[in-house]
PDB file of N, CA and C in Angstrom:
ATOM      1  N   UNK A   1      20.655  54.488  10.758  1.00  0.00           N
ATOM      2  CA  UNK A   1      19.629  54.446   9.751  1.00  0.00           C
ATOM      3  C   UNK A   1      18.404  55.210  10.250  1.00  0.00           C
ATOM      4  N   UNK A   2      17.864  56.067   9.454  1.00  0.00           N
ATOM      5  CA  UNK A   2      16.671  56.796   9.876  1.00  0.00           C
ATOM      6  C   UNK A   2      15.435  56.038   9.450  1.00  0.00           C
ATOM      7  N   UNK A   3      14.323  56.345  10.089  1.00  0.00           N
ATOM      8  CA  UNK A   3      13.086  55.625   9.794  1.00  0.00           C
ATOM      9  C   UNK A   3      12.556  55.961   8.418  1.00  0.00           C
ATOM     10  N   UNK A   4      12.964  57.070   7.855  1.00  0.00           N
ATOM     11  CA  UNK A   4      12.509  57.456   6.525  1.00  0.00           C
ATOM     12  C   UNK A   4      13.036  56.484   5.462  1.00  0.00           C
ATOM     13  N   UNK A   5      14.205  55.909   5.684  1.00  0.00           N
ATOM     14  CA  UNK A   5      14.811  55.012   4.716  1.00  0.00           C
ATOM     15  C   UNK A   5      14.282  53.570   4.830  1.00  0.00           C
ATOM     16  N   UNK A   6      13.586  53.259   5.917  1.00  0.00           N
ATOM     17  CA  UNK A   6      13.062  51.908   6.127  1.00  0.00           C
ATOM     18  C   UNK A   6      11.686  51.836   5.482  1.00  0.00           C
ATOM     19  N   UNK A   7      11.538  50.934   4.515  1.00  0.00           N
ATOM     20  CA  UNK A   7      10.267  50.772   3.809  1.00  0.00           C
ATOM     21  C   UNK A   7       9.414  49.752   4.549  1.00  0.00           C
ATOM     22  N   UNK A   8       8.187  50.087   4.774  1.00  0.00           N
ATOM     23  CA  UNK A   8       7.235  49.181   5.410  1.00  0.00           C
ATOM     24  C   UNK A   8       6.797  48.161   4.351  1.00  0.00           C
ATOM     25  N   UNK A   9       6.934  46.871   4.637  1.00  0.00           N
ATOM     26  CA  UNK A   9       6.569  45.863   3.641  1.00  0.00           C
ATOM     27  C   UNK A   9       5.076  45.876   3.288  1.00  0.00           C
ATOM     28  N   UNK A  10       4.256  46.492   4.146  1.00  0.00           N
ATOM     29  CA  UNK A  10       2.827  46.567   3.845  1.00  0.00           C
ATOM     30  C   UNK A  10       2.506  47.731   2.906  1.00  0.00           C
ATOM     31  N   UNK A  11       3.461  48.604   2.668  1.00  0.00           N
ATOM     32  CA  UNK A  11       3.260  49.732   1.743  1.00  0.00           C
ATOM     33  C   UNK A  11       3.485  49.199   0.330  1.00  0.00           C
ATOM     34  N   UNK A  12       2.451  48.594  -0.214  1.00  0.00           N
ATOM     35  CA  UNK A  12       2.578  47.879  -1.480  1.00  0.00           C
ATOM     36  C   UNK A  12       2.773  48.792  -2.688  1.00  0.00           C
ATOM     37  N   UNK A  13       2.229  50.014  -2.626  1.00  0.00           N
ATOM     38  CA  UNK A  13       2.397  50.914  -3.774  1.00  0.00           C
ATOM     39  C   UNK A  13       3.556  51.885  -3.589  1.00  0.00           C
ATOM     40  N   UNK A  14       4.239  51.802  -2.430  1.00  0.00           N
ATOM     41  CA  UNK A  14       5.434  52.600  -2.180  1.00  0.00           C
ATOM     42  C   UNK A  14       5.196  54.090  -2.010  1.00  0.00           C
ATOM     43  N   UNK A  15       3.985  54.495  -1.609  1.00  0.00           N
ATOM     44  CA  UNK A  15       3.710  55.925  -1.453  1.00  0.00           C
ATOM     45  C   UNK A  15       4.008  56.439  -0.051  1.00  0.00           C
ATOM     46  N   UNK A  16       4.523  55.544   0.812  1.00  0.00           N
ATOM     47  CA  UNK A  16       4.861  55.953   2.171  1.00  0.00           C
ATOM     48  C   UNK A  16       3.702  55.855   3.138  1.00  0.00           C
ATOM     49  N   UNK A  17       2.521  55.515   2.662  1.00  0.00           N
ATOM     50  CA  UNK A  17       1.345  55.369   3.528  1.00  0.00           C
ATOM     51  C   UNK A  17       0.846  53.921   3.407  1.00  0.00           C
ATOM     52  N   UNK A  18       0.399  53.377   4.514  1.00  0.00           N
ATOM     53  CA  UNK A  18      -0.153  52.021   4.523  1.00  0.00           C
ATOM     54  C   UNK A  18      -1.650  52.137   4.747  1.00  0.00           C
ATOM     55  N   UNK A  19      -2.409  51.809   3.728  1.00  0.00           N
ATOM     56  CA  UNK A  19      -3.864  51.892   3.837  1.00  0.00           C
ATOM     57  C   UNK A  19      -4.422  50.561   4.321  1.00  0.00           C
ATOM     58  N   UNK A  20      -5.686  50.570   4.693  1.00  0.00           N
ATOM     59  CA  UNK A  20      -6.366  49.349   5.129  1.00  0.00           C
ATOM     60  C   UNK A  20      -6.362  48.324   3.991  1.00  0.00           C
ATOM     61  N   UNK A  21      -6.543  48.772   2.759  1.00  0.00           N
ATOM     62  CA  UNK A  21      -6.521  47.880   1.596  1.00  0.00           C
ATOM     63  C   UNK A  21      -5.167  47.228   1.416  1.00  0.00           C
ATOM     64  N   UNK A  22      -4.083  48.014   1.619  1.00  0.00           N
ATOM     65  CA  UNK A  22      -2.731  47.459   1.491  1.00  0.00           C
ATOM     66  C   UNK A  22      -2.458  46.433   2.585  1.00  0.00           C
ATOM     67  N   UNK A  23      -2.951  46.722   3.795  1.00  0.00           N
ATOM     68  CA  UNK A  23      -2.782  45.755   4.894  1.00  0.00           C
ATOM     69  C   UNK A  23      -3.497  44.453   4.555  1.00  0.00           C
ATOM     70  N   UNK A  24      -4.732  44.579   4.031  1.00  0.00           N
ATOM     71  CA  UNK A  24      -5.516  43.390   3.684  1.00  0.00           C
ATOM     72  C   UNK A  24      -4.796  42.583   2.609  1.00  0.00           C
ATOM     73  N   UNK A  25      -4.284  43.289   1.575  1.00  0.00           N
ATOM     74  CA  UNK A  25      -3.555  42.599   0.506  1.00  0.00           C
ATOM     75  C   UNK A  25      -2.283  41.941   1.041  1.00  0.00           C
ATOM     76  N   UNK A  26      -1.575  42.634   1.896  1.00  0.00           N
ATOM     77  CA  UNK A  26      -0.330  42.113   2.465  1.00  0.00           C
ATOM     78  C   UNK A  26      -0.619  40.832   3.254  1.00  0.00           C
ATOM     79  N   UNK A  27      -1.613  40.882   4.148  1.00  0.00           N
ATOM     80  CA  UNK A  27      -1.914  39.703   4.969  1.00  0.00           C
ATOM     81  C   UNK A  27      -2.510  38.571   4.129  1.00  0.00           C
ATOM     82  N   UNK A  28      -3.260  38.916   3.086  1.00  0.00           N
ATOM     83  CA  UNK A  28      -3.780  37.883   2.185  1.00  0.00           C
ATOM     84  C   UNK A  28      -2.620  37.187   1.475  1.00  0.00           C
ATOM     85  N   UNK A  29      -1.629  37.967   1.070  1.00  0.00           N
ATOM     86  CA  UNK A  29      -0.446  37.385   0.431  1.00  0.00           C
ATOM     87  C   UNK A  29       0.306  36.469   1.373  1.00  0.00           C
ATOM     88  N   UNK A  30       0.476  36.903   2.620  1.00  0.00           N
ATOM     89  CA  UNK A  30       1.166  36.076   3.620  1.00  0.00           C
ATOM     90  C   UNK A  30       0.388  34.776   3.870  1.00  0.00           C
ATOM     91  N   UNK A  31      -0.950  34.916   3.963  1.00  0.00           N
ATOM     92  CA  UNK A  31      -1.783  33.725   4.178  1.00  0.00           C
ATOM     93  C   UNK A  31      -1.659  32.775   2.994  1.00  0.00           C
ATOM     94  N   UNK A  32      -1.639  33.327   1.792  1.00  0.00           N
ATOM     95  CA  UNK A  32      -1.501  32.515   0.586  1.00  0.00           C
ATOM     96  C   UNK A  32      -0.176  31.757   0.590  1.00  0.00           C
ATOM     97  N   UNK A  33       0.898  32.434   1.006  1.00  0.00           N
ATOM     98  CA  UNK A  33       2.209  31.772   1.093  1.00  0.00           C
ATOM     99  C   UNK A  33       2.161  30.607   2.072  1.00  0.00           C
ATOM    100  N   UNK A  34       1.512  30.827   3.221  1.00  0.00           N
ATOM    101  CA  UNK A  34       1.432  29.758   4.229  1.00  0.00           C
ATOM    102  C   UNK A  34       0.580  28.594   3.721  1.00  0.00           C
ATOM    103  N   UNK A  35      -0.492  28.920   3.018  1.00  0.00           N
ATOM    104  CA  UNK A  35      -1.352  27.863   2.465  1.00  0.00           C
ATOM    105  C   UNK A  35      -0.581  27.053   1.426  1.00  0.00           C
ATOM    106  N   UNK A  36       0.154  27.751   0.552  1.00  0.00           N
ATOM    107  CA  UNK A  36       0.955  27.044  -0.456  1.00  0.00           C
ATOM    108  C   UNK A  36       1.996  26.148   0.203  1.00  0.00           C
ATOM    109  N   UNK A  37       2.631  26.633   1.255  1.00  0.00           N
ATOM    110  CA  UNK A  37       3.624  25.814   1.964  1.00  0.00           C
ATOM    111  C   UNK A  37       2.954  24.596   2.591  1.00  0.00           C
ATOM    112  N   UNK A  38       1.774  24.808   3.194  1.00  0.00           N
ATOM    113  CA  UNK A  38       1.055  23.690   3.808  1.00  0.00           C
ATOM    114  C   UNK A  38       0.668  22.657   2.752  1.00  0.00           C
ATOM    115  N   UNK A  39       0.244  23.115   1.581  1.00  0.00           N
ATOM    116  CA  UNK A  39      -0.118  22.196   0.495  1.00  0.00           C
ATOM    117  C   UNK A  39       1.109  21.419   0.034  1.00  0.00           C
ATOM    118  N   UNK A  40       2.237  22.122  -0.122  1.00  0.00           N
ATOM    119  CA  UNK A  40       3.473  21.439  -0.528  1.00  0.00           C
ATOM    120  C   UNK A  40       3.895  20.404   0.508  1.00  0.00           C
ATOM    121  N   UNK A  41       3.783  20.765   1.790  1.00  0.00           N
ATOM    122  CA  UNK A  41       4.119  19.821   2.861  1.00  0.00           C
ATOM    123  C   UNK A  41       3.193  18.611   2.818  1.00  0.00           C
ATOM    124  N   UNK A  42       1.900  18.858   2.575  1.00  0.00           N
ATOM    125  CA  UNK A  42       0.916  17.783   2.509  1.00  0.00           C
ATOM    126  C   UNK A  42       1.237  16.857   1.325  1.00  0.00           C
ATOM    127  N   UNK A  43       1.603  17.456   0.181  1.00  0.00           N
ATOM    128  CA  UNK A  43       1.945  16.641  -0.985  1.00  0.00           C
ATOM    129  C   UNK A  43       3.136  15.738  -0.685  1.00  0.00           C
ATOM    130  N   UNK A  44       4.152  16.290  -0.037  1.00  0.00           N
ATOM    131  CA  UNK A  44       5.336  15.493   0.316  1.00  0.00           C
ATOM    132  C   UNK A  44       4.957  14.367   1.264  1.00  0.00           C
ATOM    133  N   UNK A  45       4.137  14.699   2.246  1.00  0.00           N
ATOM    134  CA  UNK A  45       3.700  13.693   3.214  1.00  0.00           C
ATOM    135  C   UNK A  45       2.899  12.594   2.509  1.00  0.00           C
ATOM    136  N   UNK A  46       2.025  13.001   1.587  1.00  0.00           N
ATOM    137  CA  UNK A  46       1.221  12.015   0.847  1.00  0.00           C
ATOM    138  C   UNK A  46       2.118  11.122  -0.006  1.00  0.00           C
ATOM    139  N   UNK A  47       3.147  11.713  -0.637  1.00  0.00           N
ATOM    140  CA  UNK A  47       4.074  10.910  -1.442  1.00  0.00           C
ATOM    141  C   UNK A  47       4.788   9.887  -0.571  1.00  0.00           C
ATOM    142  N   UNK A  48       5.241  10.311   0.602  1.00  0.00           N
ATOM    143  CA  UNK A  48       5.927   9.391   1.515  1.00  0.00           C
ATOM    144  C   UNK A  48       4.990   8.276   1.969  1.00  0.00           C
ATOM    145  N   UNK A  49       3.743   8.650   2.294  1.00  0.00           N
ATOM    146  CA  UNK A  49       2.774   7.646   2.731  1.00  0.00           C
ATOM    147  C   UNK A  49       2.498   6.647   1.620  1.00  0.00           C
ATOM    148  N   UNK A  50       2.373   7.152   0.401  1.00  0.00           N
ATOM    149  CA  UNK A  50       2.133   6.269  -0.740  1.00  0.00           C
ATOM    150  C   UNK A  50       3.312   5.341  -0.966  1.00  0.00           C
ATOM    151  N   UNK A  51       4.515   5.879  -0.832  1.00  0.00           N
ATOM    152  CA  UNK A  51       5.725   5.062  -0.988  1.00  0.00           C
ATOM    153  C   UNK A  51       5.760   3.967   0.082  1.00  0.00           C
ATOM    154  N   UNK A  52       5.455   4.346   1.330  1.00  0.00           N
ATOM    155  CA  UNK A  52       5.435   3.366   2.423  1.00  0.00           C
ATOM    156  C   UNK A  52       4.379   2.297   2.181  1.00  0.00           C
ATOM    157  N   UNK A  53       3.205   2.722   1.705  1.00  0.00           N
ATOM    158  CA  UNK A  53       2.125   1.771   1.447  1.00  0.00           C
ATOM    159  C   UNK A  53       2.512   0.798   0.338  1.00  0.00           C
ATOM    160  N   UNK A  54       3.187   1.306  -0.702  1.00  0.00           N
ATOM    161  CA  UNK A  54       3.616   0.442  -1.798  1.00  0.00           C
ATOM    162  C   UNK A  54       4.639  -0.575  -1.309  1.00  0.00           C
ATOM    163  N   UNK A  55       5.589  -0.123  -0.497  1.00  0.00           N
ATOM    164  CA  UNK A  55       6.598  -1.041   0.039  1.00  0.00           C
ATOM    165  C   UNK A  55       5.931  -2.129   0.885  1.00  0.00           C
ATOM    166  N   UNK A  56       4.965  -1.727   1.723  1.00  0.00           N
ATOM    167  CA  UNK A  56       4.243  -2.686   2.558  1.00  0.00           C
ATOM    168  C   UNK A  56       3.487  -3.690   1.690  1.00  0.00           C
ATOM    169  N   UNK A  57       2.811  -3.177   0.653  1.00  0.00           N
ATOM    170  CA  UNK A  57       2.045  -4.061  -0.238  1.00  0.00           C
ATOM    171  C   UNK A  57       2.960  -5.032  -0.968  1.00  0.00           C
ATOM    172  N   UNK A  58       4.119  -4.547  -1.407  1.00  0.00           N
ATOM    173  CA  UNK A  58       5.068  -5.429  -2.096  1.00  0.00           C
ATOM    174  C   UNK A  58       5.561  -6.534  -1.168  1.00  0.00           C
ATOM    175  N   UNK A  59       5.853  -6.172   0.087  1.00  0.00           N
ATOM    176  CA  UNK A  59       6.302  -7.183   1.052  1.00  0.00           C
ATOM    177  C   UNK A  59       5.192  -8.197   1.315  1.00  0.00           C
ATOM    178  N   UNK A  60       3.965  -7.684   1.485  1.00  0.00           N
ATOM    179  CA  UNK A  60       2.830  -8.575   1.750  1.00  0.00           C
ATOM    180  C   UNK A  60       2.586  -9.500   0.560  1.00  0.00           C
ATOM    181  N   UNK A  61       2.726  -8.963  -0.642  1.00  0.00           N
ATOM    182  CA  UNK A  61       2.543  -9.768  -1.855  1.00  0.00           C
ATOM    183  C   UNK A  61       3.582 -10.884  -1.909  1.00  0.00           C
ATOM    184  N   UNK A  62       4.828 -10.539  -1.610  1.00  0.00           N
ATOM    185  CA  UNK A  62       5.892 -11.541  -1.612  1.00  0.00           C
ATOM    186  C   UNK A  62       5.653 -12.621  -0.571  1.00  0.00           C
ATOM    187  N   UNK A  63       5.244 -12.200   0.616  1.00  0.00           N
ATOM    188  CA  UNK A  63       4.982 -13.159   1.689  1.00  0.00           C
ATOM    189  C   UNK A  63       3.795 -14.058   1.335  1.00  0.00           C
ATOM    190  N   UNK A  64       2.751 -13.465   0.748  1.00  0.00           N
ATOM    191  CA  UNK A  64       1.583 -14.246   0.349  1.00  0.00           C
ATOM    192  C   UNK A  64       1.957 -15.268  -0.718  1.00  0.00           C
ATOM    193  N   UNK A  65       2.823 -14.856  -1.640  1.00  0.00           N
ATOM    194  CA  UNK A  65       3.256 -15.784  -2.694  1.00  0.00           C
ATOM    195  C   UNK A  65       4.030 -16.946  -2.082  1.00  0.00           C
ATOM    196  N   UNK A  66       4.928 -16.638  -1.146  1.00  0.00           N
ATOM    197  CA  UNK A  66       5.689 -17.695  -0.480  1.00  0.00           C
ATOM    198  C   UNK A  66       4.759 -18.661   0.248  1.00  0.00           C
ATOM    199  N   UNK A  67       3.792 -18.114   0.984  1.00  0.00           N
ATOM    200  CA  UNK A  67       2.855 -18.955   1.729  1.00  0.00           C
ATOM    201  C   UNK A  67       2.015 -19.804   0.779  1.00  0.00           C
ATOM    202  N   UNK A  68       1.577 -19.202  -0.333  1.00  0.00           N
ATOM    203  CA  UNK A  68       0.794 -19.953  -1.308  1.00  0.00           C
ATOM    204  C   UNK A  68       1.606 -21.123  -1.863  1.00  0.00           C
ATOM    205  N   UNK A  69       2.872 -20.854  -2.161  1.00  0.00           N
ATOM    206  CA  UNK A  69       3.729 -21.921  -2.691  1.00  0.00           C
ATOM    207  C   UNK A  69       3.904 -23.048  -1.677  1.00  0.00           C
ATOM    208  N   UNK A  70       4.061 -22.690  -0.401  1.00  0.00           N
ATOM    209  CA  UNK A  70       4.193 -23.716   0.647  1.00  0.00           C
ATOM    210  C   UNK A  70       2.920 -24.549   0.745  1.00  0.00           C
ATOM    211  N   UNK A  71       1.783 -23.872   0.798  1.00  0.00           N
ATOM    212  CA  UNK A  71       0.495 -24.569   0.922  1.00  0.00           C
ATOM    213  C   UNK A  71       0.239 -25.410  -0.318  1.00  0.00           C
ATOM    214  N   UNK A  72       0.566 -24.874  -1.479  1.00  0.00           N
ATOM    215  CA  UNK A  72       0.365 -25.597  -2.732  1.00  0.00           C
ATOM    216  C   UNK A  72       1.211 -26.870  -2.762  1.00  0.00           C
ATOM    217  N   UNK A  73       2.461 -26.750  -2.351  1.00  0.00           N
ATOM    218  CA  UNK A  73       3.352 -27.925  -2.319  1.00  0.00           C
ATOM    219  C   UNK A  73       2.831 -28.963  -1.326  1.00  0.00           C
ATOM    220  N   UNK A  74       2.395 -28.511  -0.169  1.00  0.00           N
ATOM    221  CA  UNK A  74       1.854 -29.423   0.842  1.00  0.00           C
ATOM    222  C   UNK A  74       0.605 -30.131   0.305  1.00  0.00           C
ATOM    223  N   UNK A  75      -0.247 -29.367  -0.391  1.00  0.00           N
ATOM    224  CA  UNK A  75      -1.467 -29.957  -0.959  1.00  0.00           C
ATOM    225  C   UNK A  75      -1.114 -31.009  -2.011  1.00  0.00           C
ATOM    226  N   UNK A  76      -0.115 -30.728  -2.834  1.00  0.00           N
ATOM    227  CA  UNK A  76       0.317 -31.700  -3.850  1.00  0.00           C
ATOM    228  C   UNK A  76       0.809 -32.979  -3.195  1.00  0.00           C
ATOM    229  N   UNK A  77       1.596 -32.829  -2.110  1.00  0.00           N
ATOM    230  CA  UNK A  77       2.118 -33.996  -1.396  1.00  0.00           C
ATOM    231  C   UNK A  77       0.978 -34.816  -0.797  1.00  0.00           C
ATOM    232  N   UNK A  78       0.036 -34.122  -0.170  1.00  0.00           N
ATOM    233  CA  UNK A  78      -1.085 -34.822   0.456  1.00  0.00           C
ATOM    234  C   UNK A  78      -1.971 -35.491  -0.594  1.00  0.00           C
ATOM    235  N   UNK A  79      -2.149 -34.816  -1.740  1.00  0.00           N
ATOM    236  CA  UNK A  79      -2.943 -35.410  -2.809  1.00  0.00           C
ATOM    237  C   UNK A  79      -2.273 -36.680  -3.329  1.00  0.00           C
ATOM    238  N   UNK A  80      -0.939 -36.606  -3.517  1.00  0.00           N
ATOM    239  CA  UNK A  80      -0.202 -37.780  -4.002  1.00  0.00           C
ATOM    240  C   UNK A  80      -0.322 -38.933  -2.998  1.00  0.00           C
ATOM    241  N   UNK A  81      -0.229 -38.589  -1.716  1.00  0.00           N
ATOM    242  CA  UNK A  81      -0.352 -39.623  -0.673  1.00  0.00           C
ATOM    243  C   UNK A  81      -1.760 -40.229  -0.679  1.00  0.00           C
ATOM    244  N   UNK A  82      -2.767 -39.377  -0.780  1.00  0.00           N
ATOM    245  CA  UNK A  82      -4.149 -39.871  -0.802  1.00  0.00           C
ATOM    246  C   UNK A  82      -4.405 -40.705  -2.049  1.00  0.00           C
ATOM    247  N   UNK A  83      -3.824 -40.273  -3.165  1.00  0.00           N
ATOM    248  CA  UNK A  83      -3.977 -41.030  -4.423  1.00  0.00           C
ATOM    249  C   UNK A  83      -3.351 -42.418  -4.278  1.00  0.00           C
ATOM    250  N   UNK A  84      -2.169 -42.457  -3.644  1.00  0.00           N
ATOM    251  CA  UNK A  84      -1.500 -43.746  -3.427  1.00  0.00           C
ATOM    252  C   UNK A  84      -2.337 -44.656  -2.531  1.00  0.00           C
ATOM    253  N   UNK A  85      -2.875 -44.087  -1.443  1.00  0.00           N
ATOM    254  CA  UNK A  85      -3.705 -44.895  -0.535  1.00  0.00           C
ATOM    255  C   UNK A  85      -4.982 -45.355  -1.232  1.00  0.00           C
ATOM    256  N   UNK A  86      -5.559 -44.488  -2.061  1.00  0.00           N
ATOM    257  CA  UNK A  86      -6.775 -44.873  -2.786  1.00  0.00           C
ATOM    258  C   UNK A  86      -6.465 -45.999  -3.769  1.00  0.00           C
ATOM    259  N   UNK A  87      -5.311 -45.926  -4.426  1.00  0.00           N
ATOM    260  CA  UNK A  87      -4.926 -46.986  -5.366  1.00  0.00           C
ATOM    261  C   UNK A  87      -4.730 -48.302  -4.612  1.00  0.00           C
ATOM    262  N   UNK A  88      -4.066 -48.206  -3.446  1.00  0.00           N
ATOM    263  CA  UNK A  88      -3.865 -49.425  -2.641  1.00  0.00           C
ATOM    264  C   UNK A  88      -5.214 -50.019  -2.228  1.00  0.00           C
ATOM    265  N   UNK A  89      -6.125 -49.153  -1.789  1.00  0.00           N
ATOM    266  CA  UNK A  89      -7.438 -49.639  -1.362  1.00  0.00           C
ATOM    267  C   UNK A  89      -8.199 -50.240  -2.534  1.00  0.00           C
ATOM    268  N   UNK A  90      -8.114 -49.579  -3.702  1.00  0.00           N
ATOM    269  CA  UNK A  90      -8.789 -50.090  -4.892  1.00  0.00           C
ATOM    270  C   UNK A  90      -8.205 -51.433  -5.313  1.00  0.00           C
ATOM    271  N   UNK A  91      -6.875 -51.490  -5.327  1.00  0.00           N
ATOM    272  CA  UNK A  91      -6.225 -52.755  -5.701  1.00  0.00           C
ATOM    273  C   UNK A  91      -6.596 -53.860  -4.716  1.00  0.00           C
ATOM    274  N   UNK A  92      -6.656 -53.516  -3.417  1.00  0.00           N
ATOM    275  CA  UNK A  92      -7.049 -54.519  -2.410  1.00  0.00           C
ATOM    276  C   UNK A  92      -8.482 -54.972  -2.621  1.00  0.00           C
ATOM    277  N   UNK A  93      -9.360 -54.018  -2.912  1.00  0.00           N
ATOM    278  CA  UNK A  93     -10.763 -54.379  -3.153  1.00  0.00           C
ATOM    279  C   UNK A  93     -10.887 -55.208  -4.420  1.00  0.00           C
ATOM    280  N   UNK A  94     -10.131 -54.881  -5.420  1.00  0.00           N
ATOM    281  CA  UNK A  94     -10.145 -55.608  -6.685  1.00  0.00           C
ATOM    282  C   UNK A  94      -9.690 -57.062  -6.460  1.00  0.00           C
ATOM    283  N   UNK A  95      -8.672 -57.188  -5.643  1.00  0.00           N
ATOM    284  CA  UNK A  95      -8.152 -58.524  -5.332  1.00  0.00           C
ATOM    285  C   UNK A  95      -9.192 -59.336  -4.558  1.00  0.00           C
ATOM    286  N   UNK A  96      -9.877 -58.685  -3.604  1.00  0.00           N
ATOM    287  CA  UNK A  96     -10.910 -59.393  -2.838  1.00  0.00           C
ATOM    288  C   UNK A  96     -12.054 -59.829  -3.730  1.00  0.00           C
ATOM    289  N   UNK A  97     -12.439 -58.948  -4.684  1.00  0.00           N
ATOM    290  CA  UNK A  97     -13.512 -59.306  -5.620  1.00  0.00           C
ATOM    291  C   UNK A  97     -13.061 -60.491  -6.483  1.00  0.00           C
ATOM    292  N   UNK A  98     -11.804 -60.463  -6.915  1.00  0.00           N
ATOM    293  CA  UNK A  98     -11.264 -61.547  -7.750  1.00  0.00           C
ATOM    294  C   UNK A  98     -11.273 -62.860  -6.951  1.00  0.00           C
ATOM    295  N   UNK A  99     -10.820 -62.769  -5.686  1.00  0.00           N
ATOM    296  CA  UNK A  99     -10.819 -63.971  -4.838  1.00  0.00           C
ATOM    297  C   UNK A  99     -12.242 -64.472  -4.612  1.00  0.00           C
ATOM    298  N   UNK A 100     -13.164 -63.565  -4.373  1.00  0.00           N
ATOM    299  CA  UNK A 100     -14.535 -63.938  -4.111  1.00  0.00           C
ATOM    300  C   UNK A 100     -15.175 -64.609  -5.326  1.00  0.00           C
ATOM    301  N   UNK A 101     -14.902 -64.052  -6.489  1.00  0.00           N
ATOM    302  CA  UNK A 101     -15.503 -64.616  -7.724  1.00  0.00           C
ATOM    303  C   UNK A 101     -14.854 -65.939  -8.101  1.00  0.00           C
ATOM    304  N   UNK A 102     -13.569 -66.110  -7.831  1.00  0.00           N
ATOM    305  CA  UNK A 102     -12.921 -67.381  -8.166  1.00  0.00           C
ATOM    306  C   UNK A 102     -13.330 -68.471  -7.183  1.00  0.00           C
ATOM    307  N   UNK A 103     -13.625 -68.158  -5.958  1.00  0.00           N
ATOM    308  CA  UNK A 103     -14.090 -69.155  -4.990  1.00  0.00           C
ATOM    309  C   UNK A 103     -15.491 -69.617  -5.337  1.00  0.00           C
ATOM    310  N   UNK A 104     -16.308 -68.735  -5.881  1.00  0.00           N
ATOM    311  CA  UNK A 104     -17.687 -69.069  -6.241  1.00  0.00           C
ATOM    312  C   UNK A 104     -17.741 -69.913  -7.501  1.00  0.00           C
ATOM    313  N   UNK A 105     -16.782 -69.727  -8.353  1.00  0.00           N
ATOM    314  CA  UNK A 105     -16.851 -70.391  -9.649  1.00  0.00           C
ATOM    315  C   UNK A 105     -16.453 -71.834  -9.616  1.00  0.00           C
TER     316      UNK A 105
END
C-alpha cells in the first residue's frame, strides 16, 4: 500500500492537506466523543447507585416495619398487664373502702 492511498483522518475536507483548523476540529470531535462516553458512563453509574439505594431503603423500611410491629405488640402486652394490675389495685382499694365504711357504720 502506498502512502498516497492512506487518508489521514484529520484531513476533514479530503483535499490531502491537514490544516491547523482541521486538526482543531478533529481533536475537538475526539474530545466530544470522550466527553459523551464519560457522561454515558456516569449515567449508568448513577442508575446503579440509585437502584442500590432503593434496594437498601426497601430493606430498611421492611426491617423498621418488623421492629415497629414487635415494639407495638410488646407495648400492647405491657399495657394489658398494667391495666390488669391497676384494676386489681382499684378493686382492692374499693374493698378496703367498703370494709372501712361498714366498720364505721
